[in-house]
Amino acid sequence: MAVLLHGLPAVTPSLGTRPVLVLAVGWLIMSWAPIVRVYESGIPNMGGMAKDDWRGVTQLISTTACPDAGFYVNIPDHYQFGIGYYNPKLLPRTQFLTSPTGNLSDLMVGSFGPHDWLVVLVYGPGVGSLDQLSSTMTASGWTEHDFTAIRAYQHGVSCGTRPSP
């Protein structure tokens, strides 16, 4: 079958192009679920996260954190773009946090500075019981900020004003 495209010469598909087309369609079908997981938000435990979570955390930290504050996260470096993408000035003060027991609710909250932050990806490594972590942190005087897939815990007082929602 010949195809004429707007004045171009007629092209006859060869038998060699059909397997390529079948493979491309097959790849798309097989890859569709992971693609959706990456770009869709709000799927706990599946990697989906609304950009607003990162934007909200970054805006809150950028406007309220004290100059001496450190930011501790339970996510590996390649995910810290979440904070650093929206405010690269925060990255030098950001560190990966682990607990000696592997469970963040076992943290020694007294080892943090007076203005530090703990930023927790709720389905990240070591979270364990989110309720237990929240209880531990708030009982020790930390303020919890809930951003759906991210919880930010603020130690001490803020040095700025909280942005309006």
C-alpha atoms as a PDB file:
ATOM      1  CA  MET A   1       0.000   0.000   0.000  1.00  0.00           C
ATOM      2  CA  ALA A   2       1.466   3.341  -1.001  1.00  0.00           C
ATOM      3  CA  VAL A   3       0.927   6.482   1.086  1.00  0.00           C
ATOM      4  CA  LEU A   4       1.130   9.968  -0.362  1.00  0.00           C
ATOM      5  CA  LEU A   5       1.910  12.734   2.154  1.00  0.00           C
ATOM      6  CA  HIS A   6       1.407  16.295   0.945  1.00  0.00           C
ATOM      7  CA  GLY A   7       3.449  16.164  -2.211  1.00  0.00           C
ATOM      8  CA  LEU A   8       6.056  13.696  -0.940  1.00  0.00           C
ATOM      9  CA  PRO A   9       6.746  10.603  -2.979  1.00  0.00           C
ATOM     10  CA  ALA A  10       4.692   7.539  -2.194  1.00  0.00           C
ATOM     11  CA  VAL A  11       6.146   5.398   0.601  1.00  0.00           C
ATOM     12  CA  THR A  12       5.497   1.702   0.875  1.00  0.00           C
ATOM     13  CA  PRO A  13       6.000   0.300   4.401  1.00  0.00           C
ATOM     14  CA  SER A  14       8.421  -2.591   4.360  1.00  0.00           C
ATOM     15  CA  LEU A  15       8.053  -5.765   6.354  1.00  0.00           C
ATOM     16  CA  GLY A  16      10.967  -4.573   8.541  1.00  0.00           C
ATOM     17  CA  THR A  17       9.035  -1.604   9.942  1.00  0.00           C
ATOM     18  CA  ARG A  18       6.161  -3.666  11.272  1.00  0.00           C
ATOM     19  CA  PRO A  19       8.169  -5.438  14.017  1.00  0.00           C
ATOM     20  CA  VAL A  20       9.573  -2.079  15.112  1.00  0.00           C
ATOM     21  CA  LEU A  21       6.073  -0.653  15.325  1.00  0.00           C
ATOM     22  CA  VAL A  22       4.852  -3.704  17.275  1.00  0.00           C
ATOM     23  CA  LEU A  23       7.806  -3.413  19.678  1.00  0.00           C
ATOM     24  CA  ALA A  24       7.195   0.306  20.211  1.00  0.00           C
ATOM     25  CA  VAL A  25       3.512  -0.248  20.996  1.00  0.00           C
ATOM     26  CA  GLY A  26       4.414  -3.175  23.280  1.00  0.00           C
ATOM     27  CA  TRP A  27       6.972  -1.064  25.127  1.00  0.00           C
ATOM     28  CA  LEU A  28       4.434   1.716  25.621  1.00  0.00           C
ATOM     29  CA  ILE A  29       1.855  -0.711  27.000  1.00  0.00           C
ATOM     30  CA  MET A  30       4.392  -2.309  29.374  1.00  0.00           C
ATOM     31  CA  SER A  31       5.743   1.067  30.527  1.00  0.00           C
ATOM     32  CA  TRP A  32       2.452   2.863  30.986  1.00  0.00           C
ATOM     33  CA  ALA A  33       1.975   2.023  34.699  1.00  0.00           C
ATOM     34  CA  PRO A  34       5.450   3.259  35.772  1.00  0.00           C
ATOM     35  CA  ILE A  35       5.026   6.405  33.684  1.00  0.00           C
ATOM     36  CA  VAL A  36       1.696   7.129  35.351  1.00  0.00           C
ATOM     37  CA  ARG A  37       3.240   6.517  38.818  1.00  0.00           C
ATOM     38  CA  VAL A  38       5.973   9.058  38.174  1.00  0.00           C
ATOM     39  CA  TYR A  39       3.726  11.804  36.869  1.00  0.00           C
ATOM     40  CA  GLU A  40       0.563  11.197  38.864  1.00  0.00           C
ATOM     41  CA  SER A  41       0.412  12.488  42.421  1.00  0.00           C
ATOM     42  CA  GLY A  42      -1.147  11.186  45.563  1.00  0.00           C
ATOM     43  CA  ILE A  43      -0.308   7.500  45.330  1.00  0.00           C
ATOM     44  CA  PRO A  44       1.197   6.555  48.702  1.00  0.00           C
ATOM     45  CA  ASN A  45       3.944   3.917  48.613  1.00  0.00           C
ATOM     46  CA  MET A  46       4.130   4.149  44.834  1.00  0.00           C
ATOM     47  CA  GLY A  47       6.463   7.115  44.341  1.00  0.00           C
ATOM     48  CA  GLY A  48       3.780   9.610  43.427  1.00  0.00           C
ATOM     49  CA  MET A  49       3.944  12.914  45.224  1.00  0.00           C
ATOM     50  CA  ALA A  50       2.354  16.220  44.478  1.00  0.00           C
ATOM     51  CA  LYS A  51       4.808  18.955  43.588  1.00  0.00           C
ATOM     52  CA  ASP A  52       2.844  21.164  45.954  1.00  0.00           C
ATOM     53  CA  ASP A  53       4.182  19.063  48.825  1.00  0.00           C
ATOM     54  CA  TRP A  54       7.745  20.056  47.981  1.00  0.00           C
ATOM     55  CA  ARG A  55       6.788  23.612  47.116  1.00  0.00           C
ATOM     56  CA  GLY A  56       4.881  24.021  50.363  1.00  0.00           C
ATOM     57  CA  VAL A  57       7.657  22.585  52.532  1.00  0.00           C
ATOM     58  CA  THR A  58      10.267  24.678  50.732  1.00  0.00           C
ATOM     59  CA  GLN A  59       8.223  27.856  51.042  1.00  0.00           C
ATOM     60  CA  LEU A  60       7.593  27.249  54.739  1.00  0.00           C
ATOM     61  CA  ILE A  61      11.243  26.510  55.493  1.00  0.00           C
ATOM     62  CA  SER A  62      12.514  29.373  53.322  1.00  0.00           C
ATOM     63  CA  THR A  63      10.333  31.924  55.065  1.00  0.00           C
ATOM     64  CA  THR A  64      10.467  30.694  58.663  1.00  0.00           C
ATOM     65  CA  ALA A  65      13.777  28.873  59.219  1.00  0.00           C
ATOM     66  CA  CYS A  66      16.473  30.574  61.223  1.00  0.00           C
ATOM     67  CA  PRO A  67      19.888  31.196  59.636  1.00  0.00           C
ATOM     68  CA  ASP A  68      21.504  28.551  61.879  1.00  0.00           C
ATOM     69  CA  ALA A  69      18.901  25.864  61.098  1.00  0.00           C
ATOM     70  CA  GLY A  70      19.900  22.514  59.681  1.00  0.00           C
ATOM     71  CA  PHE A  71      17.517  20.390  57.616  1.00  0.00           C
ATOM     72  CA  TYR A  72      17.527  16.641  58.181  1.00  0.00           C
ATOM     73  CA  VAL A  73      15.756  14.380  55.717  1.00  0.00           C
ATOM     74  CA  ASN A  74      15.081  10.640  55.583  1.00  0.00           C
ATOM     75  CA  ILE A  75      15.491  10.480  51.842  1.00  0.00           C
ATOM     76  CA  PRO A  76      18.670   9.871  49.822  1.00  0.00           C
ATOM     77  CA  ASP A  77      20.538  12.699  48.103  1.00  0.00           C
ATOM     78  CA  HIS A  78      18.905  12.193  44.730  1.00  0.00           C
ATOM     79  CA  TYR A  79      15.540  13.075  46.268  1.00  0.00           C
ATOM     80  CA  GLN A  80      16.757  16.203  48.019  1.00  0.00           C
ATOM     81  CA  PHE A  81      16.081  18.065  44.807  1.00  0.00           C
ATOM     82  CA  GLY A  82      12.591  18.373  46.279  1.00  0.00           C
ATOM     83  CA  ILE A  83      13.823  21.023  48.668  1.00  0.00           C
ATOM     84  CA  GLY A  84      16.813  22.194  46.675  1.00  0.00           C
ATOM     85  CA  TYR A  85      14.963  22.436  43.383  1.00  0.00           C
ATOM     86  CA  TYR A  86      12.731  25.185  44.695  1.00  0.00           C
ATOM     87  CA  ASN A  87      15.435  26.846  46.810  1.00  0.00           C
ATOM     88  CA  PRO A  88      19.021  25.718  46.063  1.00  0.00           C
ATOM     89  CA  LYS A  89      20.302  27.787  49.009  1.00  0.00           C
ATOM     90  CA  LEU A  90      18.849  25.156  51.362  1.00  0.00           C
ATOM     91  CA  LEU A  91      20.935  22.255  50.028  1.00  0.00           C
ATOM     92  CA  PRO A  92      24.215  23.047  51.836  1.00  0.00           C
ATOM     93  CA  ARG A  93      22.362  22.826  55.165  1.00  0.00           C
ATOM     94  CA  THR A  94      20.526  19.602  54.252  1.00  0.00           C
ATOM     95  CA  GLN A  95      21.705  16.220  55.514  1.00  0.00           C
ATOM     96  CA  PHE A  96      20.537  12.635  55.167  1.00  0.00           C
ATOM     97  CA  LEU A  97      19.294  11.383  58.514  1.00  0.00           C
ATOM     98  CA  THR A  98      19.388   7.846  59.795  1.00  0.00           C
ATOM     99  CA  SER A  99      18.465   6.399  63.134  1.00  0.00           C
ATOM    100  CA  PRO A 100      20.817   3.971  64.907  1.00  0.00           C
ATOM    101  CA  THR A 101      17.937   1.473  65.069  1.00  0.00           C
ATOM    102  CA  GLY A 102      16.747   2.172  61.520  1.00  0.00           C
ATOM    103  CA  ASN A 103      13.456   3.615  62.800  1.00  0.00           C
ATOM    104  CA  LEU A 104      13.086   7.405  62.860  1.00  0.00           C
ATOM    105  CA  SER A 105      10.745   7.295  65.852  1.00  0.00           C
ATOM    106  CA  ASP A 106      13.781   6.168  67.912  1.00  0.00           C
ATOM    107  CA  LEU A 107      15.676   9.394  67.242  1.00  0.00           C
ATOM    108  CA  MET A 108      17.336  11.186  70.079  1.00  0.00           C
ATOM    109  CA  VAL A 109      15.527  14.491  69.668  1.00  0.00           C
ATOM    110  CA  GLY A 110      17.935  16.189  72.062  1.00  0.00           C
ATOM    111  CA  SER A 111      20.766  15.853  69.537  1.00  0.00           C
ATOM    112  CA  PHE A 112      19.322  18.485  67.204  1.00  0.00           C
ATOM    113  CA  GLY A 113      20.077  22.181  67.257  1.00  0.00           C
ATOM    114  CA  PRO A 114      17.582  24.709  68.643  1.00  0.00           C
ATOM    115  CA  HIS A 115      16.244  25.690  65.198  1.00  0.00           C
ATOM    116  CA  ASP A 116      16.664  22.485  63.169  1.00  0.00           C
ATOM    117  CA  TRP A 117      14.064  20.828  60.950  1.00  0.00           C
ATOM    118  CA  LEU A 118      13.257  17.198  60.278  1.00  0.00           C
ATOM    119  CA  VAL A 119      11.682  16.656  56.840  1.00  0.00           C
ATOM    120  CA  VAL A 120      10.173  13.190  56.494  1.00  0.00           C
ATOM    121  CA  LEU A 121       8.925  11.539  53.339  1.00  0.00           C
ATOM    122  CA  VAL A 122       6.093   9.529  54.912  1.00  0.00           C
ATOM    123  CA  TYR A 123       6.788   6.394  52.884  1.00  0.00           C
ATOM    124  CA  GLY A 124      10.564   6.795  52.932  1.00  0.00           C
ATOM    125  CA  PRO A 125      13.079   4.556  54.682  1.00  0.00           C
ATOM    126  CA  GLY A 126      12.872   4.198  58.450  1.00  0.00           C
ATOM    127  CA  VAL A 127       9.578   5.981  59.026  1.00  0.00           C
ATOM    128  CA  GLY A 128       7.931   3.040  60.769  1.00  0.00           C
ATOM    129  CA  SER A 129       4.883   4.272  62.651  1.00  0.00           C
ATOM    130  CA  LEU A 130       4.123   7.827  61.591  1.00  0.00           C
ATOM    131  CA  ASP A 131       1.879   8.246  64.638  1.00  0.00           C
ATOM    132  CA  GLN A 132       4.720   7.203  66.945  1.00  0.00           C
ATOM    133  CA  LEU A 133       7.153   9.558  65.209  1.00  0.00           C
ATOM    134  CA  SER A 134       4.669  12.438  65.441  1.00  0.00           C
ATOM    135  CA  SER A 135       4.032  11.724  69.128  1.00  0.00           C
ATOM    136  CA  THR A 136       7.754  11.615  69.879  1.00  0.00           C
ATOM    137  CA  MET A 137       8.477  14.845  68.058  1.00  0.00           C
ATOM    138  CA  THR A 138       5.521  16.875  69.363  1.00  0.00           C
ATOM    139  CA  ALA A 139       6.057  15.626  72.929  1.00  0.00           C
ATOM    140  CA  SER A 140       9.603  16.991  72.672  1.00  0.00           C
ATOM    141  CA  GLY A 141       8.371  20.438  71.656  1.00  0.00           C
ATOM    142  CA  TRP A 142       8.640  20.166  67.872  1.00  0.00           C
ATOM    143  CA  THR A 143       5.934  21.684  65.672  1.00  0.00           C
ATOM    144  CA  GLU A 144       4.500  19.380  63.020  1.00  0.00           C
ATOM    145  CA  HIS A 145       3.570  20.636  59.548  1.00  0.00           C
ATOM    146  CA  ASP A 146       1.634  18.140  57.397  1.00  0.00           C
ATOM    147  CA  PHE A 147       2.089  18.270  53.616  1.00  0.00           C
ATOM    148  CA  THR A 148       0.322  14.986  52.729  1.00  0.00           C
ATOM    149  CA  ALA A 149       3.313  12.905  51.571  1.00  0.00           C
ATOM    150  CA  ILE A 150       5.815  14.936  53.603  1.00  0.00           C
ATOM    151  CA  ARG A 151       5.879  15.877  57.272  1.00  0.00           C
ATOM    152  CA  ALA A 152       8.098  18.727  58.400  1.00  0.00           C
ATOM    153  CA  TYR A 153       8.976  19.038  62.077  1.00  0.00           C
ATOM    154  CA  GLN A 154      10.275  22.379  63.264  1.00  0.00           C
ATOM    155  CA  HIS A 155      12.392  22.601  66.413  1.00  0.00           C
ATOM    156  CA  GLY A 156      12.065  25.741  68.481  1.00  0.00           C
ATOM    157  CA  VAL A 157      10.735  29.048  67.295  1.00  0.00           C
ATOM    158  CA  SER A 158      10.674  30.336  63.742  1.00  0.00           C
ATOM    159  CA  CYS A 159      12.704  33.323  62.636  1.00  0.00           C
ATOM    160  CA  GLY A 160      10.227  34.492  60.012  1.00  0.00           C
ATOM    161  CA  THR A 161       6.522  34.515  59.291  1.00  0.00           C
ATOM    162  CA  ARG A 162       4.593  31.527  58.082  1.00  0.00           C
ATOM    163  CA  PRO A 163       3.273  32.006  54.540  1.00  0.00           C
ATOM    164  CA  SER A 164      -0.459  32.094  54.117  1.00  0.00           C
ATOM    165  CA  PRO A 165      -1.926  28.963  52.495  1.00  0.00           C
END
